[in-house]
PDB file of N, CA and C in Angstrom:
ATOM      1  N   MET A   1       1.529  -9.269   5.893  1.00  0.00           N
ATOM      2  CA  MET A   1       1.825  -9.688   4.777  1.00  0.00           C
ATOM      3  C   MET A   1       0.770 -10.457   3.838  1.00  0.00           C
ATOM      4  N   LYS A   2       0.560 -10.040   2.850  1.00  0.00           N
ATOM      5  CA  LYS A   2      -0.496 -10.682   2.077  1.00  0.00           C
ATOM      6  C   LYS A   2       0.323 -12.018   1.044  1.00  0.00           C
ATOM      7  N   LEU A   3      -0.334 -13.067   1.408  1.00  0.00           N
ATOM      8  CA  LEU A   3      -0.448 -14.360   0.688  1.00  0.00           C
ATOM      9  C   LEU A   3      -1.283 -14.754  -0.356  1.00  0.00           C
ATOM     10  N   LYS A   4      -1.245 -15.577  -1.330  1.00  0.00           N
ATOM     11  CA  LYS A   4      -2.127 -16.293  -2.203  1.00  0.00           C
ATOM     12  C   LYS A   4      -2.515 -17.389  -1.244  1.00  0.00           C
ATOM     13  N   ASP A   5      -3.630 -18.176  -1.689  1.00  0.00           N
ATOM     14  CA  ASP A   5      -4.113 -18.993  -0.736  1.00  0.00           C
ATOM     15  C   ASP A   5      -3.188 -20.316  -0.589  1.00  0.00           C
ATOM     16  N   GLU A   6      -2.556 -20.768  -1.510  1.00  0.00           N
ATOM     17  CA  GLU A   6      -1.722 -22.081  -1.379  1.00  0.00           C
ATOM     18  C   GLU A   6      -0.625 -21.718  -0.364  1.00  0.00           C
ATOM     19  N   PRO A   7       0.322 -20.823  -0.557  1.00  0.00           N
ATOM     20  CA  PRO A   7       1.194 -20.322   0.307  1.00  0.00           C
ATOM     21  C   PRO A   7       0.603 -20.250   1.853  1.00  0.00           C
ATOM     22  N   PHE A   8      -0.378 -19.609   1.921  1.00  0.00           N
ATOM     23  CA  PHE A   8      -1.107 -19.092   3.183  1.00  0.00           C
ATOM     24  C   PHE A   8      -1.364 -20.464   3.654  1.00  0.00           C
ATOM     25  N   CYS A   9      -2.050 -21.444   3.074  1.00  0.00           N
ATOM     26  CA  CYS A   9      -2.327 -22.615   3.844  1.00  0.00           C
ATOM     27  C   CYS A   9      -1.416 -23.635   4.085  1.00  0.00           C
ATOM     28  N   ALA A  10      -0.047 -23.355   3.273  1.00  0.00           N
ATOM     29  CA  ALA A  10       1.026 -24.422   3.775  1.00  0.00           C
ATOM     30  C   ALA A  10       1.858 -23.674   5.160  1.00  0.00           C
ATOM     31  N   ILE A  11       1.445 -22.213   5.189  1.00  0.00           N
ATOM     32  CA  ILE A  11       2.041 -21.667   6.484  1.00  0.00           C
ATOM     33  C   ILE A  11       1.333 -22.101   7.425  1.00  0.00           C
ATOM     34  N   LYS A  12      -0.144 -22.049   7.331  1.00  0.00           N
ATOM     35  CA  LYS A  12      -0.865 -22.501   8.397  1.00  0.00           C
ATOM     36  C   LYS A  12      -1.201 -23.807   8.959  1.00  0.00           C
ATOM     37  N   SER A  13      -0.662 -24.881   7.842  1.00  0.00           N
ATOM     38  CA  SER A  13      -0.324 -26.167   8.283  1.00  0.00           C
ATOM     39  C   SER A  13       1.029 -26.752   8.798  1.00  0.00           C
ATOM     40  N   GLY A  14       1.774 -25.636   8.873  1.00  0.00           N
ATOM     41  CA  GLY A  14       3.083 -25.975   9.159  1.00  0.00           C
ATOM     42  C   GLY A  14       4.028 -26.384   8.529  1.00  0.00           C
ATOM     43  N   LYS A  15       3.531 -26.542   6.930  1.00  0.00           N
ATOM     44  CA  LYS A  15       4.196 -27.286   6.079  1.00  0.00           C
ATOM     45  C   LYS A  15       5.432 -26.470   5.497  1.00  0.00           C
ATOM     46  N   LYS A  16       5.151 -24.859   5.396  1.00  0.00           N
ATOM     47  CA  LYS A  16       5.692 -23.996   5.006  1.00  0.00           C
ATOM     48  C   LYS A  16       6.380 -23.340   6.249  1.00  0.00           C
ATOM     49  N   VAL A  17       7.698 -23.177   6.402  1.00  0.00           N
ATOM     50  CA  VAL A  17       8.093 -22.438   7.471  1.00  0.00           C
ATOM     51  C   VAL A  17       9.212 -21.545   7.183  1.00  0.00           C
ATOM     52  N   VAL A  18       9.412 -20.982   5.961  1.00  0.00           N
ATOM     53  CA  VAL A  18      10.397 -19.971   5.495  1.00  0.00           C
ATOM     54  C   VAL A  18       9.588 -19.251   4.388  1.00  0.00           C
ATOM     55  N   GLU A  19       9.386 -18.087   5.120  1.00  0.00           N
ATOM     56  CA  GLU A  19       8.594 -17.042   3.770  1.00  0.00           C
ATOM     57  C   GLU A  19       9.801 -16.288   3.327  1.00  0.00           C
ATOM     58  N   MET A  20       9.535 -16.143   1.635  1.00  0.00           N
ATOM     59  CA  MET A  20      10.649 -15.576   1.191  1.00  0.00           C
ATOM     60  C   MET A  20       9.913 -14.342   0.631  1.00  0.00           C
ATOM     61  N   ARG A  21      10.703 -12.935   0.837  1.00  0.00           N
ATOM     62  CA  ARG A  21      10.739 -11.930   0.238  1.00  0.00           C
ATOM     63  C   ARG A  21      11.873 -10.994  -0.009  1.00  0.00           C
ATOM     64  N   LEU A  22      11.663  -9.689  -0.842  1.00  0.00           N
ATOM     65  CA  LEU A  22      12.626  -9.040  -1.224  1.00  0.00           C
ATOM     66  C   LEU A  22      13.048  -8.437   0.152  1.00  0.00           C
ATOM     67  N   PHE A  23      14.243  -7.866   0.210  1.00  0.00           N
ATOM     68  CA  PHE A  23      14.690  -7.128   1.519  1.00  0.00           C
ATOM     69  C   PHE A  23      14.353  -5.725   1.327  1.00  0.00           C
ATOM     70  N   ASP A  24      13.089  -5.178   0.973  1.00  0.00           N
ATOM     71  CA  ASP A  24      13.060  -3.929   0.987  1.00  0.00           C
ATOM     72  C   ASP A  24      12.926  -3.251   2.219  1.00  0.00           C
ATOM     73  N   GLU A  25      12.422  -1.998   2.117  1.00  0.00           N
ATOM     74  CA  GLU A  25      12.362  -0.887   3.112  1.00  0.00           C
ATOM     75  C   GLU A  25      11.764  -1.775   4.535  1.00  0.00           C
ATOM     76  N   LYS A  26      10.319  -2.151   3.911  1.00  0.00           N
ATOM     77  CA  LYS A  26       9.476  -3.066   4.958  1.00  0.00           C
ATOM     78  C   LYS A  26       9.955  -3.863   5.759  1.00  0.00           C
ATOM     79  N   ARG A  27      10.749  -4.964   4.953  1.00  0.00           N
ATOM     80  CA  ARG A  27      11.603  -6.247   5.530  1.00  0.00           C
ATOM     81  C   ARG A  27      12.698  -5.670   6.501  1.00  0.00           C
ATOM     82  N   THR A  28      13.429  -4.574   6.143  1.00  0.00           N
ATOM     83  CA  THR A  28      14.529  -4.386   6.955  1.00  0.00           C
ATOM     84  C   THR A  28      14.034  -3.935   8.322  1.00  0.00           C
ATOM     85  N   LEU A  29      12.781  -3.567   8.573  1.00  0.00           N
ATOM     86  CA  LEU A  29      12.423  -3.175   9.879  1.00  0.00           C
ATOM     87  C   LEU A  29      12.116  -4.891  10.891  1.00  0.00           C
ATOM     88  N   LEU A  30      11.934  -5.800  10.073  1.00  0.00           N
ATOM     89  CA  LEU A  30      11.884  -7.138  11.060  1.00  0.00           C
ATOM     90  C   LEU A  30      12.892  -7.396  11.980  1.00  0.00           C
ATOM     91  N   LYS A  31      12.341  -7.744  12.899  1.00  0.00           N
ATOM     92  CA  LYS A  31      13.486  -8.548  13.997  1.00  0.00           C
ATOM     93  C   LYS A  31      13.258  -9.482  14.484  1.00  0.00           C
ATOM     94  N   LEU A  32      14.102 -10.331  15.120  1.00  0.00           N
ATOM     95  CA  LEU A  32      13.714 -11.859  15.643  1.00  0.00           C
ATOM     96  C   LEU A  32      12.788 -11.515  16.847  1.00  0.00           C
ATOM     97  N   ASN A  33      11.759 -12.572  16.720  1.00  0.00           N
ATOM     98  CA  ASN A  33      10.675 -12.453  17.626  1.00  0.00           C
ATOM     99  C   ASN A  33       9.590 -11.572  17.388  1.00  0.00           C
ATOM    100  N   ASP A  34       9.563 -10.762  16.346  1.00  0.00           N
ATOM    101  CA  ASP A  34       8.624  -9.957  15.816  1.00  0.00           C
ATOM    102  C   ASP A  34       7.637 -11.009  15.463  1.00  0.00           C
ATOM    103  N   PHE A  35       6.227 -10.255  15.283  1.00  0.00           N
ATOM    104  CA  PHE A  35       4.624 -11.050  14.989  1.00  0.00           C
ATOM    105  C   PHE A  35       4.703 -10.651  13.558  1.00  0.00           C
ATOM    106  N   ILE A  36       4.373 -11.539  12.653  1.00  0.00           N
ATOM    107  CA  ILE A  36       3.819 -11.123  11.153  1.00  0.00           C
ATOM    108  C   ILE A  36       2.243 -11.594  11.141  1.00  0.00           C
ATOM    109  N   GLU A  37       1.468 -10.972  10.744  1.00  0.00           N
ATOM    110  CA  GLU A  37       0.140 -11.247  10.438  1.00  0.00           C
ATOM    111  C   GLU A  37       0.017 -11.360   8.915  1.00  0.00           C
ATOM    112  N   PHE A  38      -0.112 -12.462   8.602  1.00  0.00           N
ATOM    113  CA  PHE A  38      -0.345 -12.840   7.057  1.00  0.00           C
ATOM    114  C   PHE A  38      -1.902 -13.048   6.735  1.00  0.00           C
ATOM    115  N   VAL A  39      -2.265 -12.679   5.645  1.00  0.00           N
ATOM    116  CA  VAL A  39      -3.544 -12.271   5.237  1.00  0.00           C
ATOM    117  C   VAL A  39      -3.616 -12.951   3.792  1.00  0.00           C
ATOM    118  N   ASN A  40      -4.878 -14.039   3.934  1.00  0.00           N
ATOM    119  CA  ASN A  40      -5.018 -14.507   2.656  1.00  0.00           C
ATOM    120  C   ASN A  40      -5.772 -13.529   1.772  1.00  0.00           C
ATOM    121  N   ILE A  41      -5.270 -13.328   0.303  1.00  0.00           N
ATOM    122  CA  ILE A  41      -5.895 -12.538  -0.379  1.00  0.00           C
ATOM    123  C   ILE A  41      -6.997 -12.870  -0.866  1.00  0.00           C
ATOM    124  N   GLU A  42      -7.216 -14.183  -1.097  1.00  0.00           N
ATOM    125  CA  GLU A  42      -8.495 -14.687  -1.685  1.00  0.00           C
ATOM    126  C   GLU A  42      -9.554 -14.935  -0.332  1.00  0.00           C
ATOM    127  N   SER A  43      -9.495 -15.429   0.740  1.00  0.00           N
ATOM    128  CA  SER A  43     -10.464 -15.474   1.828  1.00  0.00           C
ATOM    129  C   SER A  43     -10.524 -14.232   2.858  1.00  0.00           C
ATOM    130  N   GLU A  44      -9.421 -14.060   2.586  1.00  0.00           N
ATOM    131  CA  GLU A  44      -8.933 -12.516   3.970  1.00  0.00           C
ATOM    132  C   GLU A  44      -8.903 -13.203   5.186  1.00  0.00           C
ATOM    133  N   GLU A  45      -8.775 -14.773   5.408  1.00  0.00           N
ATOM    134  CA  GLU A  45      -8.190 -15.100   6.615  1.00  0.00           C
ATOM    135  C   GLU A  45      -6.919 -14.600   6.999  1.00  0.00           C
ATOM    136  N   LYS A  46      -7.030 -14.388   8.531  1.00  0.00           N
ATOM    137  CA  LYS A  46      -5.484 -14.231   8.835  1.00  0.00           C
ATOM    138  C   LYS A  46      -4.976 -14.938   9.627  1.00  0.00           C
ATOM    139  N   LEU A  47      -3.512 -14.976   9.976  1.00  0.00           N
ATOM    140  CA  LEU A  47      -3.184 -15.872  11.053  1.00  0.00           C
ATOM    141  C   LEU A  47      -1.516 -15.121  11.325  1.00  0.00           C
ATOM    142  N   LYS A  48      -1.395 -15.385  12.688  1.00  0.00           N
ATOM    143  CA  LYS A  48      -0.055 -14.660  13.209  1.00  0.00           C
ATOM    144  C   LYS A  48       1.218 -15.532  13.278  1.00  0.00           C
ATOM    145  N   ALA A  49       2.173 -15.423  12.726  1.00  0.00           N
ATOM    146  CA  ALA A  49       3.461 -16.370  13.199  1.00  0.00           C
ATOM    147  C   ALA A  49       4.411 -15.193  13.856  1.00  0.00           C
ATOM    148  N   LYS A  50       5.521 -16.128  14.419  1.00  0.00           N
ATOM    149  CA  LYS A  50       6.285 -15.191  15.187  1.00  0.00           C
ATOM    150  C   LYS A  50       7.629 -15.384  14.351  1.00  0.00           C
ATOM    151  N   VAL A  51       8.630 -14.543  14.353  1.00  0.00           N
ATOM    152  CA  VAL A  51       9.683 -14.561  13.426  1.00  0.00           C
ATOM    153  C   VAL A  51      10.875 -15.252  14.318  1.00  0.00           C
ATOM    154  N   GLN A  52      11.194 -16.502  13.712  1.00  0.00           N
ATOM    155  CA  GLN A  52      12.466 -17.277  14.331  1.00  0.00           C
ATOM    156  C   GLN A  52      13.765 -17.066  14.116  1.00  0.00           C
ATOM    157  N   GLU A  53      13.944 -16.358  12.559  1.00  0.00           N
ATOM    158  CA  GLU A  53      15.176 -16.384  12.026  1.00  0.00           C
ATOM    159  C   GLU A  53      15.135 -15.403  10.865  1.00  0.00           C
ATOM    160  N   LEU A  54      15.916 -14.485  10.687  1.00  0.00           N
ATOM    161  CA  LEU A  54      16.080 -13.592   9.362  1.00  0.00           C
ATOM    162  C   LEU A  54      17.512 -14.204   8.842  1.00  0.00           C
ATOM    163  N   LYS A  55      17.668 -14.509   7.350  1.00  0.00           N
ATOM    164  CA  LYS A  55      18.728 -14.816   6.922  1.00  0.00           C
ATOM    165  C   LYS A  55      18.544 -13.797   5.400  1.00  0.00           C
ATOM    166  N   ASN A  56      19.632 -13.052   5.139  1.00  0.00           N
ATOM    167  CA  ASN A  56      19.775 -12.409   3.822  1.00  0.00           C
ATOM    168  C   ASN A  56      20.524 -12.995   2.960  1.00  0.00           C
ATOM    169  N   PHE A  57      20.128 -12.885   1.660  1.00  0.00           N
ATOM    170  CA  PHE A  57      20.709 -13.322   0.585  1.00  0.00           C
ATOM    171  C   PHE A  57      20.733 -12.307  -0.708  1.00  0.00           C
ATOM    172  N   SER A  58      21.841 -12.490  -1.217  1.00  0.00           N
ATOM    173  CA  SER A  58      21.916 -11.598  -2.533  1.00  0.00           C
ATOM    174  C   SER A  58      20.692 -11.693  -3.583  1.00  0.00           C
ATOM    175  N   ASN A  59      20.340 -13.072  -3.775  1.00  0.00           N
ATOM    176  CA  ASN A  59      19.150 -13.344  -4.450  1.00  0.00           C
ATOM    177  C   ASN A  59      18.429 -15.103  -4.207  1.00  0.00           C
ATOM    178  N   PHE A  60      17.391 -15.053  -4.948  1.00  0.00           N
ATOM    179  CA  PHE A  60      16.312 -16.045  -4.624  1.00  0.00           C
ATOM    180  C   PHE A  60      17.541 -17.509  -4.784  1.00  0.00           C
ATOM    181  N   GLU A  61      18.254 -17.559  -6.119  1.00  0.00           N
ATOM    182  CA  GLU A  61      19.193 -18.622  -6.168  1.00  0.00           C
ATOM    183  C   GLU A  61      19.892 -19.082  -4.934  1.00  0.00           C
ATOM    184  N   GLU A  62      20.499 -18.219  -4.209  1.00  0.00           N
ATOM    185  CA  GLU A  62      21.399 -18.436  -2.810  1.00  0.00           C
ATOM    186  C   GLU A  62      20.406 -18.916  -1.981  1.00  0.00           C
ATOM    187  N   LEU A  63      19.375 -18.308  -1.893  1.00  0.00           N
ATOM    188  CA  LEU A  63      18.011 -18.970  -0.736  1.00  0.00           C
ATOM    189  C   LEU A  63      17.717 -20.037  -0.903  1.00  0.00           C
ATOM    190  N   TYR A  64      17.434 -20.525  -2.274  1.00  0.00           N
ATOM    191  CA  TYR A  64      16.854 -21.821  -2.635  1.00  0.00           C
ATOM    192  C   TYR A  64      18.182 -22.754  -2.415  1.00  0.00           C
ATOM    193  N   ASN A  65      19.215 -22.510  -2.771  1.00  0.00           N
ATOM    194  CA  ASN A  65      20.249 -23.662  -2.463  1.00  0.00           C
ATOM    195  C   ASN A  65      20.481 -23.588  -0.862  1.00  0.00           C
ATOM    196  N   PHE A  66      20.151 -22.829  -0.191  1.00  0.00           N
ATOM    197  CA  PHE A  66      20.682 -22.915   1.370  1.00  0.00           C
ATOM    198  C   PHE A  66      19.477 -23.892   2.162  1.00  0.00           C
ATOM    199  N   TYR A  67      18.052 -23.637   1.686  1.00  0.00           N
ATOM    200  CA  TYR A  67      16.975 -24.380   2.292  1.00  0.00           C
ATOM    201  C   TYR A  67      16.461 -25.529   1.531  1.00  0.00           C
ATOM    202  N   ASP A  68      16.078 -26.567   2.628  1.00  0.00           N
ATOM    203  CA  ASP A  68      15.223 -27.501   1.754  1.00  0.00           C
ATOM    204  C   ASP A  68      13.890 -27.139   1.480  1.00  0.00           C
ATOM    205  N   LYS A  69      13.609 -27.516   0.092  1.00  0.00           N
ATOM    206  CA  LYS A  69      12.716 -27.246  -0.442  1.00  0.00           C
ATOM    207  C   LYS A  69      11.252 -27.469   0.156  1.00  0.00           C
ATOM    208  N   THR A  70      11.229 -28.163   1.203  1.00  0.00           N
ATOM    209  CA  THR A  70       9.867 -28.379   2.027  1.00  0.00           C
ATOM    210  C   THR A  70       9.681 -27.352   2.939  1.00  0.00           C
ATOM    211  N   ASP A  71      10.747 -26.577   3.351  1.00  0.00           N
ATOM    212  CA  ASP A  71      10.750 -25.594   4.434  1.00  0.00           C
ATOM    213  C   ASP A  71      10.212 -24.376   3.420  1.00  0.00           C
ATOM    214  N   LEU A  72      10.221 -24.280   2.235  1.00  0.00           N
ATOM    215  CA  LEU A  72      10.248 -23.283   1.242  1.00  0.00           C
ATOM    216  C   LEU A  72       8.705 -23.414   0.950  1.00  0.00           C
ATOM    217  N   GLY A  73       8.048 -24.528   1.328  1.00  0.00           N
ATOM    218  CA  GLY A  73       6.687 -24.682   1.111  1.00  0.00           C
ATOM    219  C   GLY A  73       6.359 -25.586  -0.183  1.00  0.00           C
ATOM    220  N   TYR A  74       7.356 -26.085  -1.085  1.00  0.00           N
ATOM    221  CA  TYR A  74       7.089 -27.274  -1.870  1.00  0.00           C
ATOM    222  C   TYR A  74       7.100 -28.688  -1.361  1.00  0.00           C
ATOM    223  N   LEU A  75       6.229 -29.446  -2.283  1.00  0.00           N
ATOM    224  CA  LEU A  75       6.047 -30.825  -1.473  1.00  0.00           C
ATOM    225  C   LEU A  75       7.292 -31.647  -2.378  1.00  0.00           C
ATOM    226  N   ASP A  76       7.312 -32.800  -1.749  1.00  0.00           N
ATOM    227  CA  ASP A  76       8.440 -33.622  -2.040  1.00  0.00           C
ATOM    228  C   ASP A  76       8.775 -33.678  -3.577  1.00  0.00           C
ATOM    229  N   TYR A  77       7.620 -34.139  -4.347  1.00  0.00           N
ATOM    230  CA  TYR A  77       7.497 -34.244  -5.658  1.00  0.00           C
ATOM    231  C   TYR A  77       7.719 -33.041  -6.780  1.00  0.00           C
ATOM    232  N   GLN A  78       7.462 -31.944  -5.926  1.00  0.00           N
ATOM    233  CA  GLN A  78       7.423 -30.654  -6.978  1.00  0.00           C
ATOM    234  C   GLN A  78       8.603 -30.498  -7.329  1.00  0.00           C
ATOM    235  N   ASN A  79       9.259 -29.740  -8.421  1.00  0.00           N
ATOM    236  CA  ASN A  79      10.357 -29.200  -8.911  1.00  0.00           C
ATOM    237  C   ASN A  79      10.437 -27.815  -8.005  1.00  0.00           C
ATOM    238  N   ALA A  80      11.425 -27.429  -7.405  1.00  0.00           N
ATOM    239  CA  ALA A  80      11.871 -26.054  -6.678  1.00  0.00           C
ATOM    240  C   ALA A  80      12.536 -25.441  -7.633  1.00  0.00           C
ATOM    241  N   SER A  81      12.302 -24.252  -8.075  1.00  0.00           N
ATOM    242  CA  SER A  81      13.163 -23.487  -8.826  1.00  0.00           C
ATOM    243  C   SER A  81      12.985 -22.158  -8.231  1.00  0.00           C
ATOM    244  N   TYR A  82      14.385 -21.326  -8.030  1.00  0.00           N
ATOM    245  CA  TYR A  82      14.481 -19.722  -7.634  1.00  0.00           C
ATOM    246  C   TYR A  82      13.839 -18.937  -8.869  1.00  0.00           C
ATOM    247  N   LYS A  83      13.486 -19.388  -9.861  1.00  0.00           N
ATOM    248  CA  LYS A  83      12.701 -18.805 -11.073  1.00  0.00           C
ATOM    249  C   LYS A  83      11.413 -18.587 -10.955  1.00  0.00           C
ATOM    250  N   ASP A  84      10.928 -19.307  -9.800  1.00  0.00           N
ATOM    251  CA  ASP A  84       9.522 -19.124  -9.530  1.00  0.00           C
ATOM    252  C   ASP A  84       9.290 -17.923  -8.717  1.00  0.00           C
ATOM    253  N   MET A  85      10.280 -17.200  -8.223  1.00  0.00           N
ATOM    254  CA  MET A  85      10.026 -16.150  -7.626  1.00  0.00           C
ATOM    255  C   MET A  85       9.884 -14.673  -8.654  1.00  0.00           C
ATOM    256  N   LEU A  86      10.200 -15.256  -9.998  1.00  0.00           N
ATOM    257  CA  LEU A  86      10.259 -14.179 -10.856  1.00  0.00           C
ATOM    258  C   LEU A  86       8.936 -13.881 -11.283  1.00  0.00           C
ATOM    259  N   LYS A  87       7.857 -14.418 -10.764  1.00  0.00           N
ATOM    260  CA  LYS A  87       6.385 -14.245 -10.761  1.00  0.00           C
ATOM    261  C   LYS A  87       6.039 -13.195 -10.238  1.00  0.00           C
ATOM    262  N   TYR A  88       6.720 -12.993  -8.982  1.00  0.00           N
ATOM    263  CA  TYR A  88       6.301 -12.073  -8.092  1.00  0.00           C
ATOM    264  C   TYR A  88       7.539 -10.682  -7.744  1.00  0.00           C
ATOM    265  N   TYR A  89       8.728 -10.938  -8.327  1.00  0.00           N
ATOM    266  CA  TYR A  89       9.588  -9.930  -8.350  1.00  0.00           C
ATOM    267  C   TYR A  89      10.246  -9.616  -9.627  1.00  0.00           C
ATOM    268  N   SER A  90      10.814  -8.639  -9.997  1.00  0.00           N
ATOM    269  CA  SER A  90      11.637  -8.442 -10.955  1.00  0.00           C
ATOM    270  C   SER A  90      13.076  -8.511 -10.804  1.00  0.00           C
ATOM    271  N   LYS A  91      13.718  -8.950 -11.755  1.00  0.00           N
ATOM    272  CA  LYS A  91      15.201  -9.044 -11.571  1.00  0.00           C
ATOM    273  C   LYS A  91      15.651  -8.054 -10.815  1.00  0.00           C
ATOM    274  N   SER A  92      15.623  -6.765 -11.468  1.00  0.00           N
ATOM    275  CA  SER A  92      16.190  -5.313 -11.125  1.00  0.00           C
ATOM    276  C   SER A  92      15.834  -4.945  -9.557  1.00  0.00           C
ATOM    277  N   ASP A  93      14.496  -5.698  -9.072  1.00  0.00           N
ATOM    278  CA  ASP A  93      14.249  -4.956  -7.646  1.00  0.00           C
ATOM    279  C   ASP A  93      15.154  -6.256  -7.029  1.00  0.00           C
ATOM    280  N   ILE A  94      15.273  -7.590  -7.227  1.00  0.00           N
ATOM    281  CA  ILE A  94      16.076  -8.562  -6.565  1.00  0.00           C
ATOM    282  C   ILE A  94      17.554  -7.875  -6.592  1.00  0.00           C
ATOM    283  N   GLU A  95      18.168  -7.520  -7.736  1.00  0.00           N
ATOM    284  CA  GLU A  95      19.394  -6.881  -7.677  1.00  0.00           C
ATOM    285  C   GLU A  95      19.727  -5.620  -6.496  1.00  0.00           C
ATOM    286  N   ASN A  96      18.486  -4.785  -6.777  1.00  0.00           N
ATOM    287  CA  ASN A  96      18.411  -3.587  -5.706  1.00  0.00           C
ATOM    288  C   ASN A  96      18.285  -3.928  -4.424  1.00  0.00           C
ATOM    289  N   TYR A  97      17.521  -4.774  -3.924  1.00  0.00           N
ATOM    290  CA  TYR A  97      17.454  -4.974  -2.576  1.00  0.00           C
ATOM    291  C   TYR A  97      17.927  -6.380  -1.725  1.00  0.00           C
ATOM    292  N   GLY A  98      18.506  -7.328  -2.619  1.00  0.00           N
ATOM    293  CA  GLY A  98      18.574  -8.497  -2.011  1.00  0.00           C
ATOM    294  C   GLY A  98      17.352  -9.224  -1.807  1.00  0.00           C
ATOM    295  N   VAL A  99      17.397 -10.397  -1.004  1.00  0.00           N
ATOM    296  CA  VAL A  99      16.372 -10.980  -0.300  1.00  0.00           C
ATOM    297  C   VAL A  99      16.521 -11.349   0.817  1.00  0.00           C
ATOM    298  N   VAL A 100      15.290 -11.836   1.683  1.00  0.00           N
ATOM    299  CA  VAL A 100      15.099 -12.258   2.991  1.00  0.00           C
ATOM    300  C   VAL A 100      14.684 -13.620   3.215  1.00  0.00           C
ATOM    301  N   ALA A 101      14.997 -14.485   3.893  1.00  0.00           N
ATOM    302  CA  ALA A 101      14.609 -15.596   4.212  1.00  0.00           C
ATOM    303  C   ALA A 101      14.114 -15.513   5.782  1.00  0.00           C
ATOM    304  N   ILE A 102      12.561 -15.601   5.725  1.00  0.00           N
ATOM    305  CA  ILE A 102      12.086 -15.266   7.381  1.00  0.00           C
ATOM    306  C   ILE A 102      11.433 -16.577   7.768  1.00  0.00           C
ATOM    307  N   LYS A 103      12.289 -17.287   8.680  1.00  0.00           N
ATOM    308  CA  LYS A 103      11.678 -18.311   9.261  1.00  0.00           C
ATOM    309  C   LYS A 103      10.916 -18.100  10.564  1.00  0.00           C
ATOM    310  N   ILE A 104       9.594 -18.965  10.289  1.00  0.00           N
ATOM    311  CA  ILE A 104       8.385 -18.430  11.150  1.00  0.00           C
ATOM    312  C   ILE A 104       7.841 -19.508  11.731  1.00  0.00           C
ATOM    313  N   LYS A 105       7.307 -19.345  12.820  1.00  0.00           N
ATOM    314  CA  LYS A 105       6.240 -20.373  13.520  1.00  0.00           C
ATOM    315  C   LYS A 105       4.796 -19.570  14.066  1.00  0.00           C
ATOM    316  N   VAL A 106       3.874 -20.658  13.310  1.00  0.00           N
ATOM    317  CA  VAL A 106       2.514 -20.065  13.456  1.00  0.00           C
ATOM    318  C   VAL A 106       2.206 -20.131  14.955  1.00  0.00           C
ATOM    319  N   VAL A 107       1.443 -18.903  15.682  1.00  0.00           N
ATOM    320  CA  VAL A 107       1.040 -18.938  16.911  1.00  0.00           C
ATOM    321  C   VAL A 107      -0.321 -18.612  16.965  1.00  0.00           C
ATOM    322  N   ASP A 108      -0.927 -19.034  18.178  1.00  0.00           N
ATOM    323  CA  ASP A 108      -2.486 -18.795  18.299  1.00  0.00           C
ATOM    324  C   ASP A 108      -2.876 -17.617  18.598  1.00  0.00           C
TER     325      ASP A 108
END
């Protein structure tokens, strides 16, 4: 999965433990204990993480209400809004597919 530098670094440091994605065809294939390779789209650095939990939601608002914002990669002083995800996904895609929270743990 491709990530921008900021979320990639947050996952690498262990600060972000939940990755949020559309529950599209690709994500329906994910299972517990699978491994995901994340790629930093800026540096091309890679890291591997193990899927610890998969939780589906109708939309990002539900997901954001379920998790603590720091698990999603926000810092304590930052405002966390599900609307932030509209930068990446259209409302129609969110309605079409739903969303998934992928709880991960980085592995060596």
